[in-house]
Amino acid sequence: MRSLEPTKQMPPEDLFRIVSGPVKRPQGQAAGWVADVYIPPRLIDASGLKAGDAAAAAATWSFDPKKKQFGWKAIKII
């Protein structure tokens, strides 16, 4: 049997990172971007972010099935 223990250690930078900067949100789009990190509409709505707002986000390396490629996706606005 295997067991898991929580850690305070951060994941490797090729899987997880923190980014900050102005929110880019194209006119009429529900989603947005900070640097090269995609921010899904649910996070935009929950945080009330608007285009040009300063934001920081925790992001993971994620697969986009629509584009069929990997990229950075925000999982939390911090």
C-alpha atoms as a PDB file:
ATOM      1  CA  MET A   1       0.000   0.000   0.000  1.00  0.00           C
ATOM      2  CA  ARG A   2       1.228   3.504  -0.809  1.00  0.00           C
ATOM      3  CA  SER A   3       0.614   6.610   1.196  1.00  0.00           C
ATOM      4  CA  LEU A   4       0.730  10.309   0.412  1.00  0.00           C
ATOM      5  CA  GLU A   5       1.777  13.140   2.639  1.00  0.00           C
ATOM      6  CA  PRO A   6       1.129  16.852   2.054  1.00  0.00           C
ATOM      7  CA  THR A   7       4.135  19.007   1.304  1.00  0.00           C
ATOM      8  CA  LYS A   8       4.838  22.718   1.397  1.00  0.00           C
ATOM      9  CA  GLN A   9       7.248  22.303  -1.496  1.00  0.00           C
ATOM     10  CA  MET A  10       6.231  24.042  -4.731  1.00  0.00           C
ATOM     11  CA  PRO A  11       5.753  21.926  -7.874  1.00  0.00           C
ATOM     12  CA  PRO A  12       8.424  22.187 -10.592  1.00  0.00           C
ATOM     13  CA  GLU A  13       8.338  25.402 -12.654  1.00  0.00           C
ATOM     14  CA  ASP A  14       7.580  23.471 -15.814  1.00  0.00           C
ATOM     15  CA  LEU A  15       4.202  22.440 -14.303  1.00  0.00           C
ATOM     16  CA  PHE A  16       3.172  25.364 -12.060  1.00  0.00           C
ATOM     17  CA  ARG A  17       3.957  29.069 -11.868  1.00  0.00           C
ATOM     18  CA  ILE A  18       2.746  32.406 -10.538  1.00  0.00           C
ATOM     19  CA  VAL A  19       2.290  35.273 -13.010  1.00  0.00           C
ATOM     20  CA  SER A  20       1.265  38.885 -12.618  1.00  0.00           C
ATOM     21  CA  GLY A  21       0.486  41.776 -14.901  1.00  0.00           C
ATOM     22  CA  PRO A  22      -2.379  43.576 -16.593  1.00  0.00           C
ATOM     23  CA  VAL A  23      -5.408  41.570 -17.672  1.00  0.00           C
ATOM     24  CA  LYS A  24      -5.878  41.372 -21.423  1.00  0.00           C
ATOM     25  CA  ARG A  25      -9.505  40.714 -22.265  1.00  0.00           C
ATOM     26  CA  PRO A  26     -10.622  41.087 -25.877  1.00  0.00           C
ATOM     27  CA  GLN A  27     -13.847  43.028 -26.394  1.00  0.00           C
ATOM     28  CA  GLY A  28     -16.862  40.746 -26.000  1.00  0.00           C
ATOM     29  CA  GLN A  29     -14.811  37.788 -24.704  1.00  0.00           C
ATOM     30  CA  ALA A  30     -15.647  36.069 -21.401  1.00  0.00           C
ATOM     31  CA  ALA A  31     -12.072  34.812 -20.882  1.00  0.00           C
ATOM     32  CA  GLY A  32      -8.857  36.765 -20.493  1.00  0.00           C
ATOM     33  CA  TRP A  33      -5.056  36.578 -20.279  1.00  0.00           C
ATOM     34  CA  VAL A  34      -2.282  37.651 -17.935  1.00  0.00           C
ATOM     35  CA  ALA A  35       1.020  37.425 -19.807  1.00  0.00           C
ATOM     36  CA  ASP A  36       0.736  34.065 -21.643  1.00  0.00           C
ATOM     37  CA  VAL A  37      -1.661  32.530 -19.091  1.00  0.00           C
ATOM     38  CA  TYR A  38      -5.284  31.867 -20.063  1.00  0.00           C
ATOM     39  CA  ILE A  39      -7.842  32.928 -17.444  1.00  0.00           C
ATOM     40  CA  PRO A  40     -11.114  31.004 -17.811  1.00  0.00           C
ATOM     41  CA  PRO A  41     -14.434  32.880 -17.651  1.00  0.00           C
ATOM     42  CA  ARG A  42     -15.352  31.393 -14.233  1.00  0.00           C
ATOM     43  CA  LEU A  43     -12.237  32.980 -12.666  1.00  0.00           C
ATOM     44  CA  ILE A  44     -12.860  36.291 -14.454  1.00  0.00           C
ATOM     45  CA  ASP A  45     -16.448  36.349 -13.158  1.00  0.00           C
ATOM     46  CA  ALA A  46     -15.556  35.269  -9.606  1.00  0.00           C
ATOM     47  CA  SER A  47     -12.839  37.909  -9.261  1.00  0.00           C
ATOM     48  CA  GLY A  48     -14.563  40.711 -11.201  1.00  0.00           C
ATOM     49  CA  LEU A  49     -11.465  41.336 -13.347  1.00  0.00           C
ATOM     50  CA  LYS A  50     -11.718  43.800 -16.177  1.00  0.00           C
ATOM     51  CA  ALA A  51      -9.352  44.574 -19.043  1.00  0.00           C
ATOM     52  CA  GLY A  52      -6.315  46.495 -17.805  1.00  0.00           C
ATOM     53  CA  ASP A  53      -6.705  45.473 -14.130  1.00  0.00           C
ATOM     54  CA  ALA A  54      -3.523  44.342 -12.392  1.00  0.00           C
ATOM     55  CA  ALA A  55      -3.794  40.688 -11.418  1.00  0.00           C
ATOM     56  CA  ALA A  56      -1.729  37.767 -10.188  1.00  0.00           C
ATOM     57  CA  ALA A  57      -2.622  34.165 -10.898  1.00  0.00           C
ATOM     58  CA  ALA A  58      -1.457  30.676 -10.066  1.00  0.00           C
ATOM     59  CA  ALA A  59      -1.266  28.650 -13.278  1.00  0.00           C
ATOM     60  CA  THR A  60      -0.709  25.050 -14.310  1.00  0.00           C
ATOM     61  CA  TRP A  61       0.488  23.501 -17.542  1.00  0.00           C
ATOM     62  CA  SER A  62      -2.704  22.266 -19.177  1.00  0.00           C
ATOM     63  CA  PHE A  63      -3.955  20.666 -22.399  1.00  0.00           C
ATOM     64  CA  ASP A  64      -6.449  22.651 -24.487  1.00  0.00           C
ATOM     65  CA  PRO A  65      -8.596  20.094 -26.337  1.00  0.00           C
ATOM     66  CA  LYS A  66     -10.079  22.789 -28.587  1.00  0.00           C
ATOM     67  CA  LYS A  67      -6.659  23.901 -29.890  1.00  0.00           C
ATOM     68  CA  LYS A  68      -5.112  20.446 -29.375  1.00  0.00           C
ATOM     69  CA  GLN A  69      -2.053  21.910 -27.664  1.00  0.00           C
ATOM     70  CA  PHE A  70      -0.604  22.553 -24.229  1.00  0.00           C
ATOM     71  CA  GLY A  71      -0.506  25.969 -22.586  1.00  0.00           C
ATOM     72  CA  TRP A  72      -0.722  27.774 -19.246  1.00  0.00           C
ATOM     73  CA  LYS A  73      -4.122  28.002 -17.539  1.00  0.00           C
ATOM     74  CA  ALA A  74      -4.955  29.967 -14.381  1.00  0.00           C
ATOM     75  CA  ILE A  75      -6.409  27.919 -11.543  1.00  0.00           C
ATOM     76  CA  LYS A  76      -6.598  30.693  -8.954  1.00  0.00           C
ATOM     77  CA  ILE A  77      -6.496  34.496  -8.838  1.00  0.00           C
ATOM     78  CA  ILE A  78      -4.228  35.554  -5.967  1.00  0.00           C
END
